[in-house]
Protein backbone atom coordinates (compact mmCIF):
# COMPACT_ATOMS: atom_id res chain seq x y z
CA MET A 1 11.92 -12.07 15.11
CA PRO A 2 9.59 -12.88 11.35
CA PRO A 3 6.25 -13.88 11.65
CA ARG A 4 5.24 -16.50 12.04
CA ASP A 5 3.35 -17.02 9.21
CA ALA A 6 6.26 -15.94 6.75
CA ASN A 7 7.65 -19.46 6.39
CA PRO A 8 9.60 -19.50 3.24
CA PRO A 9 9.96 -22.69 0.89
CA ASP A 10 13.33 -21.91 0.26
CA ARG A 11 15.82 -20.37 2.28
CA ALA A 12 19.57 -19.64 0.54
CA LEU A 13 20.82 -17.76 4.10
CA THR A 14 18.17 -17.31 7.12
CA ARG A 15 16.53 -14.84 7.98
CA ARG A 16 18.86 -14.30 11.61
CA ASP A 17 21.93 -13.44 8.87
CA LEU A 18 20.07 -11.19 7.39
CA LEU A 19 17.42 -9.09 9.31
CA ALA A 20 17.77 -7.18 12.38
CA GLY A 21 13.82 -8.34 13.41
CA ALA A 22 14.25 -8.37 17.20
CA ALA A 23 13.81 -4.61 16.55
CA GLY A 24 11.26 -5.23 15.00
CA VAL A 25 9.48 -6.36 17.40
CA ALA A 26 10.41 -4.20 19.83
CA GLY A 27 9.07 -1.44 17.56
CA ALA A 28 5.72 -4.19 17.27
CA ALA A 29 5.29 -3.76 21.11
CA ALA A 30 5.96 -0.04 21.41
CA ILE A 31 3.35 1.37 19.09
CA ALA A 32 0.70 -1.10 20.22
CA SER A 33 0.93 0.70 24.14
CA LEU A 34 0.36 3.81 21.98
CA PRO A 35 -3.65 4.59 22.56
CA ALA A 36 -5.42 5.45 19.04
CA LEU A 37 -6.67 8.93 18.62
CA GLY A 38 -10.46 8.85 19.41
CA ALA A 39 -12.99 10.56 17.65
CA ALA A 40 -12.64 13.21 20.28
CA GLN A 41 -9.53 13.99 20.03
CA GLN A 42 -9.93 14.51 16.59
CA ALA A 43 -12.40 16.95 17.32
CA SER A 44 -10.50 19.22 19.54
CA VAL A 45 -8.13 20.47 16.42
CA PRO A 46 -9.22 23.50 16.19
CA ALA A 47 -10.97 25.03 12.87
CA ALA A 48 -8.74 27.67 10.84
CA PRO A 49 -9.88 31.39 11.64
CA PRO A 50 -12.09 32.79 8.65
CA PRO A 51 -9.55 35.00 6.53
CA VAL A 52 -9.51 38.45 6.37
CA VAL A 53 -10.02 39.29 3.19
CA PRO A 54 -9.69 43.39 2.07
CA ALA A 55 -12.32 45.22 0.45
CA ASP A 56 -10.21 45.99 -2.20
CA PRO A 57 -7.21 43.29 -3.07
CA THR A 58 -5.43 45.74 -5.36
CA LYS A 59 -4.74 48.53 -2.67
CA VAL A 60 -3.32 46.46 -0.42
CA VAL A 61 0.27 44.31 -0.09
CA GLY A 62 0.27 40.71 -0.71
CA THR A 63 2.26 38.26 1.57
CA PRO A 64 5.93 37.45 0.60
CA THR A 65 7.62 34.39 -0.14
CA ALA A 66 7.79 31.27 1.99
CA ALA A 67 9.97 28.78 2.31
CA VAL A 68 6.80 26.04 1.33
CA GLY A 69 3.35 26.94 -0.57
CA THR A 70 0.08 26.80 0.58
CA ARG A 71 -3.46 26.62 -0.41
CA SER A 72 -5.66 29.19 -0.28
CA PRO A 73 -7.61 30.03 2.85
CA PHE A 74 -10.73 29.18 0.37
CA VAL A 75 -9.72 26.06 -0.25
CA ARG A 76 -9.84 23.51 2.55
CA PRO A 77 -9.13 19.20 1.40
CA THR A 78 -9.24 17.01 3.70
CA ARG A 79 -8.81 13.41 4.19
CA VAL A 80 -11.12 11.25 6.16
CA PRO A 81 -8.81 9.85 8.69
CA THR A 82 -10.03 6.68 11.31
CA GLY A 83 -7.46 8.45 13.51
CA ASP A 84 -6.46 4.41 14.68
CA ILE A 85 -3.34 2.71 14.26
CA GLN A 86 -5.15 0.19 12.79
CA GLY A 87 -6.89 2.29 10.28
CA PHE A 88 -7.61 4.80 6.75
CA SER A 89 -8.19 7.77 5.98
CA LEU A 90 -9.84 9.37 2.58
CA THR A 91 -9.71 10.76 -0.11
CA PRO A 92 -11.52 13.60 -1.00
CA HIS A 93 -11.83 13.40 -4.51
CA GLY A 94 -15.15 15.32 -4.29
CA ASP A 95 -13.53 18.48 -4.18
CA LEU A 96 -10.73 17.84 -6.54
CA THR A 97 -10.22 18.13 -10.45
CA GLY A 98 -8.61 16.49 -13.13
CA THR A 99 -6.51 12.67 -12.15
CA ILE A 100 -3.29 13.31 -10.06
CA THR A 101 -4.07 13.15 -5.87
CA PRO A 102 -2.06 15.66 -4.14
CA ALA A 103 0.64 13.85 -2.23
CA ASP A 104 -0.98 14.97 1.19
CA LEU A 105 -4.31 14.02 0.36
CA HIS A 106 -3.43 10.75 -1.04
CA PHE A 107 -5.49 7.93 0.88
CA GLU A 108 -3.98 6.04 4.13
CA ARG A 109 -4.44 2.48 4.68
CA HIS A 110 -1.99 0.83 8.01
CA HIS A 111 -1.66 -2.51 9.59
CA ALA A 112 1.09 -1.27 12.67
CA GLY A 113 1.14 2.79 12.23
CA VAL A 114 3.10 4.84 10.70
CA PRO A 115 6.75 3.96 11.02
CA LEU A 116 9.60 6.94 11.29
CA ILE A 117 12.25 5.34 8.79
CA ASP A 118 16.17 6.93 8.65
CA PRO A 119 16.89 6.33 4.71
CA ALA A 120 20.43 6.59 5.58
CA ARG A 121 20.68 3.81 7.01
CA HIS A 122 17.03 2.13 5.56
CA THR A 123 18.50 -1.03 3.10
CA LEU A 124 16.27 -3.60 1.06
CA THR A 125 17.69 -7.40 1.16
CA VAL A 126 17.14 -8.99 -1.68
CA HIS A 127 18.16 -12.93 -1.30
CA GLY A 128 16.38 -16.90 -1.48
CA LYS A 129 16.38 -18.31 -5.13
CA VAL A 130 19.73 -15.72 -7.06
CA ALA A 131 23.11 -15.56 -7.43
CA ARG A 132 23.66 -13.07 -5.12
CA PRO A 133 22.04 -12.05 -1.85
CA MET A 134 22.40 -8.40 -2.00
CA VAL A 135 21.19 -5.66 0.40
CA PHE A 136 21.23 -2.42 -1.32
CA SER A 137 21.03 1.31 0.80
CA MET A 138 18.88 3.33 -1.22
CA ASP A 139 21.57 5.37 -2.57
CA ASP A 140 22.49 2.23 -4.40
CA LEU A 141 18.93 2.27 -5.83
CA ARG A 142 18.90 5.38 -7.23
CA ARG A 143 22.19 4.48 -9.42
CA PHE A 144 19.74 2.63 -11.36
CA PRO A 145 18.34 4.11 -14.14
CA GLN A 146 14.89 5.99 -13.07
CA VAL A 147 11.96 5.61 -14.90
CA THR A 148 8.66 7.84 -13.72
CA ARG A 149 5.70 6.94 -14.60
CA THR A 150 1.20 7.29 -13.77
CA TYR A 151 -0.67 4.39 -12.17
CA PHE A 152 -3.51 4.57 -9.74
CA LEU A 153 -3.28 2.99 -6.38
CA GLU A 154 -6.37 1.62 -4.75
CA CYS A 155 -7.18 -0.46 -1.48
CA SER A 156 -9.37 -3.90 -1.96
CA GLY A 157 -12.01 -2.64 0.07
CA ASN A 158 -12.27 -0.01 -0.86
CA GLY A 159 -16.47 0.70 -1.27
CA ARG A 160 -16.82 -1.95 1.33
CA ALA A 161 -18.67 1.07 3.91
CA ALA A 162 -21.17 2.02 0.26
CA PHE A 163 -21.76 -1.83 -0.21
CA ARG A 164 -22.79 -3.18 2.94
CA ASP A 165 -24.12 -0.43 4.35
CA PRO A 166 -25.15 2.15 1.90
CA LYS A 167 -26.53 5.99 2.79
CA PRO A 168 -27.84 9.21 1.21
CA ASP A 169 -25.65 10.69 2.31
CA LEU A 170 -21.87 8.91 1.30
CA THR A 171 -19.80 11.15 -0.63
CA PRO A 172 -17.50 10.03 -2.79
CA GLN A 173 -15.09 10.72 0.25
CA ARG A 174 -16.92 7.77 1.66
CA VAL A 175 -17.34 5.96 -1.24
CA ALA A 176 -13.98 5.42 -2.56
CA GLY A 177 -11.79 7.25 -0.58
CA LEU A 178 -9.46 4.52 -0.61
CA LEU A 179 -8.22 5.23 -4.47
CA SER A 180 -5.65 8.29 -5.36
CA ASN A 181 -3.99 8.47 -8.50
CA THR A 182 0.53 9.00 -8.69
CA GLU A 183 2.96 10.46 -10.55
CA TRP A 184 5.66 7.56 -9.69
CA THR A 185 9.32 7.64 -9.39
CA GLY A 186 11.69 4.57 -8.91
CA VAL A 187 13.61 1.97 -10.32
CA PRO A 188 11.87 -0.79 -12.71
CA LEU A 189 12.25 -4.03 -10.65
CA HIS A 190 12.88 -6.17 -12.55
CA ALA A 191 16.71 -4.49 -13.06
CA LEU A 192 16.91 -5.51 -9.44
CA LEU A 193 16.39 -9.12 -10.03
CA GLU A 194 18.68 -9.28 -13.11
CA GLU A 195 21.56 -7.71 -10.61
CA VAL A 196 21.10 -9.87 -8.02
CA GLY A 197 21.42 -12.98 -10.73
CA MET A 198 17.31 -14.22 -10.01
CA THR A 199 17.94 -18.15 -10.73
CA GLY A 200 15.36 -19.34 -13.33
CA ASP A 201 13.51 -21.88 -11.08
CA ALA A 202 11.89 -18.56 -9.31
CA THR A 203 8.41 -17.99 -9.92
CA TRP A 204 7.34 -16.34 -6.23
CA MET A 205 8.72 -14.16 -4.37
CA LEU A 206 7.79 -12.39 -0.42
CA ALA A 207 7.43 -8.79 -0.36
CA GLU A 208 8.60 -7.85 3.45
CA GLY A 209 7.30 -4.07 4.76
CA GLY A 210 9.52 -2.23 7.34
CA ASP A 211 6.84 -1.36 9.64
CA ALA A 212 5.35 -2.70 13.05
CA CYS A 213 3.47 -5.79 11.95
CA MET A 214 6.24 -6.45 8.85
CA LEU A 215 3.26 -7.31 6.10
CA THR A 216 4.85 -9.81 4.10
CA ARG A 217 3.26 -10.11 0.37
CA SER A 218 4.00 -13.25 -1.82
CA ILE A 219 4.43 -11.43 -5.12
CA PRO A 220 4.60 -13.72 -8.90
CA VAL A 221 7.83 -13.33 -10.24
CA ALA A 222 5.73 -12.85 -13.70
CA LYS A 223 4.43 -9.10 -12.14
CA ALA A 224 7.79 -8.07 -10.57
CA MET A 225 9.33 -8.83 -13.98
CA ASP A 226 6.73 -7.18 -15.85
CA ASP A 227 5.77 -3.57 -14.71
CA ALA A 228 6.89 -3.82 -11.01
CA LEU A 229 8.98 -1.02 -9.72
CA LEU A 230 10.25 0.21 -6.17
CA VAL A 231 9.64 3.69 -5.96
CA TRP A 232 10.92 6.47 -4.18
CA ALA A 233 9.07 9.93 -5.06
CA GLN A 234 5.65 10.80 -5.90
CA ASN A 235 4.48 14.03 -7.67
CA GLY A 236 7.82 15.35 -8.05
CA GLU A 237 8.67 15.16 -3.94
CA PRO A 238 9.95 11.27 -2.00
CA LEU A 239 7.46 9.23 -0.51
CA ARG A 240 5.33 11.23 2.16
CA PRO A 241 5.77 8.40 5.11
CA GLU A 242 1.59 6.85 5.03
CA ASN A 243 3.09 6.18 1.54
CA GLY A 244 5.93 4.26 2.33
CA PHE A 245 8.82 6.05 2.87
CA PRO A 246 11.55 6.25 1.98
CA LEU A 247 10.75 3.11 -0.57
CA ARG A 248 7.67 0.48 -1.38
CA LEU A 249 6.75 -1.74 -3.95
CA LEU A 250 4.33 -0.18 -6.78
CA LEU A 251 2.64 -2.86 -9.19
CA PRO A 252 0.18 -1.05 -11.16
CA GLY A 253 -3.25 -2.32 -11.31
CA TRP A 254 -2.93 -4.34 -8.28
CA GLU A 255 -4.74 -4.21 -5.04
CA GLY A 256 -3.17 -1.85 -2.51
CA ASN A 257 -2.16 -4.40 -0.12
CA SER A 258 0.14 -5.56 -2.75
CA ASN A 259 1.86 -3.09 -3.01
CA VAL A 260 4.01 -2.71 -0.16
CA LYS A 261 5.11 -0.04 1.88
CA TRP A 262 8.43 0.86 3.83
CA LEU A 263 9.67 -2.02 1.79
CA ARG A 264 13.22 -3.93 3.38
CA ARG A 265 13.10 -7.29 2.07
CA LEU A 266 12.35 -9.57 -1.23
CA GLU A 267 13.22 -12.95 -1.28
CA LEU A 268 12.82 -15.37 -3.98
CA GLY A 269 10.86 -18.49 -4.19
CA THR A 270 8.91 -21.70 -5.62
CA ALA A 271 5.72 -21.20 -4.01
CA PRO A 272 3.87 -18.26 -2.12
CA TRP A 273 4.77 -18.42 1.44
CA MET A 274 0.52 -17.69 2.42
CA THR A 275 1.03 -15.97 4.92
CA ARG A 276 -1.93 -14.09 7.50
CA TRP A 277 -2.09 -11.13 4.61
CA GLU A 278 -3.10 -13.84 1.73
CA THR A 279 -5.02 -16.47 3.41
CA SER A 280 -7.15 -14.93 6.77
CA LYS A 281 -6.98 -11.60 4.76
CA TYR A 282 -7.38 -10.44 0.86
CA THR A 283 -8.97 -13.42 0.13
CA ASP A 284 -12.75 -12.85 -1.71
CA PRO A 285 -14.91 -15.52 -0.15
CA LEU A 286 -16.91 -16.61 -2.92
CA LEU A 287 -20.47 -18.60 -3.29
CA GLY A 288 -20.63 -22.55 -2.42
CA GLN A 289 -18.19 -21.75 0.31
CA LYS A 290 -14.95 -21.04 -1.41
CA ALA A 291 -12.58 -18.52 -1.83
CA ARG A 292 -11.00 -16.54 -4.38
CA GLN A 293 -7.26 -16.24 -3.22
CA PHE A 294 -4.54 -14.36 -5.35
CA SER A 295 -7.06 -11.79 -6.80
CA PHE A 296 -4.87 -9.38 -7.47
CA ASP A 297 -6.18 -7.08 -10.61
CA MET A 298 -8.22 -4.36 -9.32
CA ASP A 299 -11.91 -4.78 -11.79
CA ALA A 300 -12.87 -1.37 -14.09
CA LYS A 301 -14.56 0.41 -12.25
CA SER A 302 -16.06 4.09 -12.41
CA MET A 303 -17.66 7.14 -9.92
CA ILE A 304 -19.48 10.72 -10.86
CA THR A 305 -17.26 12.88 -8.83
CA SER A 306 -19.68 16.12 -10.12
CA PRO A 307 -22.33 16.87 -9.00
CA CYS A 308 -22.31 14.61 -5.99
CA VAL A 309 -23.62 14.81 -2.37
CA PRO A 310 -22.90 17.54 -0.26
CA GLN A 311 -24.10 19.55 -3.83
CA ALA A 312 -27.90 20.80 -5.14
CA ILE A 313 -27.70 21.69 -8.62
CA THR A 314 -29.95 24.05 -10.48
CA LYS A 315 -31.61 23.77 -13.66
CA GLY A 316 -30.03 24.12 -16.75
CA TRP A 317 -26.58 22.45 -18.64
CA ARG A 318 -23.88 21.20 -16.63
CA PRO A 319 -20.86 18.54 -16.87
CA VAL A 320 -21.36 14.94 -14.88
CA SER A 321 -17.61 14.52 -14.45
CA GLY A 322 -16.21 12.14 -12.63
CA LEU A 323 -13.26 9.29 -11.99
CA ALA A 324 -13.01 5.47 -14.33
CA TRP A 325 -10.10 3.16 -13.74
CA THR A 326 -8.80 -0.90 -14.31
CA GLY A 327 -5.70 -2.57 -13.40
CA ARG A 328 -5.86 -4.52 -16.31
CA GLY A 329 -4.89 -1.58 -18.96
CA ARG A 330 -6.57 1.74 -20.61
CA ILE A 331 -10.76 2.38 -19.73
CA THR A 332 -12.26 2.58 -23.28
CA ARG A 333 -15.43 3.85 -22.82
CA VAL A 334 -17.34 5.55 -20.24
CA GLU A 335 -21.25 5.58 -20.56
CA VAL A 336 -23.58 7.80 -18.67
CA SER A 337 -27.61 7.39 -17.55
CA VAL A 338 -29.52 10.40 -16.21
CA ASP A 339 -32.83 7.75 -15.65
CA GLY A 340 -31.00 4.91 -13.56
CA GLY A 341 -29.84 2.78 -17.17
CA SER A 342 -32.86 2.47 -18.69
CA SER A 343 -31.01 4.39 -21.76
CA TRP A 344 -26.36 5.52 -21.49
CA HIS A 345 -24.44 8.19 -23.40
CA ASP A 346 -21.13 7.93 -23.91
CA ALA A 347 -19.24 10.18 -21.88
CA ALA A 348 -15.92 11.91 -23.36
CA LEU A 349 -12.95 10.42 -22.08
CA HIS A 350 -9.80 13.23 -21.02
CA GLU A 351 -6.60 13.36 -22.60
CA PRO A 352 -4.08 11.77 -21.34
CA VAL A 353 -5.78 7.75 -21.33
CA LEU A 354 -2.96 6.00 -19.56
CA SER A 355 -2.37 1.88 -18.92
CA LYS A 356 -3.25 1.09 -14.46
CA ALA A 357 -4.02 5.05 -14.16
CA VAL A 358 -6.92 7.06 -13.62
CA THR A 359 -8.84 8.48 -16.16
CA ARG A 360 -11.30 11.67 -16.26
CA PHE A 361 -14.59 11.86 -17.66
CA SER A 362 -17.37 14.09 -18.34
CA TRP A 363 -20.80 14.52 -20.14
CA MET A 364 -22.56 17.60 -20.88
CA TRP A 365 -26.06 17.19 -19.28
CA HIS A 366 -28.97 19.79 -19.41
CA TRP A 367 -31.61 19.56 -16.09
CA GLN A 368 -35.10 20.26 -16.16
CA GLY A 369 -35.81 20.59 -12.91
CA LYS A 370 -37.02 16.78 -12.62
CA SER A 371 -36.15 13.57 -10.80
CA ALA A 372 -32.69 12.48 -11.84
CA LEU A 373 -30.59 8.77 -10.89
CA LEU A 374 -27.29 9.30 -11.87
CA LEU A 375 -25.22 6.31 -12.39
CA SER A 376 -21.11 5.52 -14.39
CA ARG A 377 -20.31 2.78 -16.13
CA ALA A 378 -16.70 2.19 -17.25
CA THR A 379 -15.33 -0.47 -19.99
CA ASP A 380 -12.12 -1.25 -20.28
CA GLU A 381 -9.60 -2.21 -23.14
CA THR A 382 -10.54 -6.54 -22.33
CA GLY A 383 -13.56 -5.39 -23.01
CA TYR A 384 -14.99 -6.30 -19.74
CA VAL A 385 -17.95 -3.99 -17.82
CA GLN A 386 -18.35 -2.53 -15.21
CA PRO A 387 -21.57 -4.71 -13.37
CA THR A 388 -24.60 -3.77 -11.75
CA ARG A 389 -24.70 -4.76 -7.79
CA THR A 390 -26.85 -7.47 -8.75
CA GLU A 391 -24.61 -8.54 -11.53
CA LEU A 392 -21.34 -8.09 -8.73
CA THR A 393 -23.91 -10.60 -6.37
CA THR A 394 -25.52 -13.28 -8.51
CA ALA A 395 -21.43 -13.82 -9.71
CA ARG A 396 -19.82 -14.04 -5.99
CA GLY A 397 -22.17 -14.08 -3.52
CA PRO A 398 -23.04 -11.72 -1.01
CA GLY A 399 -20.54 -12.17 1.05
CA THR A 400 -17.73 -10.94 -1.08
CA ASP A 401 -15.95 -8.22 1.05
CA TYR A 402 -13.19 -7.32 -1.39
CA HIS A 403 -12.93 -5.36 -5.30
CA PHE A 404 -16.69 -3.81 -4.87
CA ASN A 405 -17.02 -2.62 -8.37
CA GLN A 406 -20.22 -2.08 -8.93
CA ILE A 407 -22.39 0.88 -10.38
CA VAL A 408 -22.85 3.38 -8.37
CA GLY A 409 -24.35 6.92 -8.74
CA TRP A 410 -26.41 9.06 -7.27
CA GLN A 411 -30.44 10.51 -7.12
CA VAL A 412 -31.83 14.23 -7.57
CA ASP A 413 -34.72 15.04 -6.56
CA PRO A 414 -36.55 17.42 -8.21
CA SER A 415 -35.29 20.22 -5.87
CA GLY A 416 -31.75 19.84 -7.29
CA GLN A 417 -30.45 17.99 -3.63
CA LEU A 418 -28.97 14.74 -4.30
CA THR A 419 -28.43 12.08 -2.09
CA TYR A 420 -26.48 8.67 -2.93
CA HIS A 421 -27.55 5.38 -4.66
CA GLY A 422 -26.38 2.04 -4.08
CA GLY A 423 -27.13 0.88 -7.76
CA ARG A 424 -29.35 -1.87 -8.53
């Protein structure tokens, strides 16, 4: 059955008519009974043996062609997983270059584990405030005109650990690993809404996932008709299961939880449904006993990814490089400081600079062996400037629990060793 809090304001069809909910409850019970993968179990995975390298590779025949390519044995980037059904794994930004996140390193965030879904049986039901309620198979969806676009995806809780409990040994993966940037392929959502004949009084849409918790979020129709996508592929291949295979909702620039994975139902209505995922969860406590609700947009943010912990640097010239992103359009400026914010230098923005996508920046620095504090600050096309930690807490209070975007960086000691600095 559907979750109790998904009480829709409008019903053209009943859920009993449209959905086979009992199977979802049975799945939830089965998953809830499984033990979480603990730290000891994760540690038991054997490490890959060191590669055997010939003294002269030109004298030895190499390996044959293979069905699936692999990384060099000298390159071993991995996500950091919690190993929990209600958990996450983090993208290793310090190990990556460019802007596109490899699909197998894209961050994860789940509330009931990763479901196993047969794409041949999966459907998307669209109903509510529509003229023609319809059920689409995956083949039906692929018959619509496809688009491929690059957007970032970020959990609204990204940066919580670095904000709440900053530690010197935090890496970019630990600081901002709930961010990834992907080339997505799918169909614009407005094409489906036009197909079903959305009525003029529809202003909100309920998106429901096909996982065991049947996660639901209320989405304004204005976003659905703007740049929202229904996607089934990332980086040239089908979605990975942990990223929503076979179908997910993609809302460019909006907090990750609203980009519902394993999408199976869209219901059009006239008001938000006030599900648990937008009342008890994913709201921002503010000063004055207030809360910010439906805070979808991700604010402008940046992070230096090289040099960073656990690196140590040597004297001389080197690029200070990192990532910047905003949910409100394009990044227009990134500044780098080596003296803790006393002075700032404009970094170069690497092309392409895309809307609602990660932008790489760099600035050449000549380090002479003195203490330094490396910071980065992003500005987006709306004129919004990434705030300091003090500015963020002054505006939202110390109790804020989502949308952490304060300026952060790396302390460099005279020996060249780096440690995390959580900003001021």
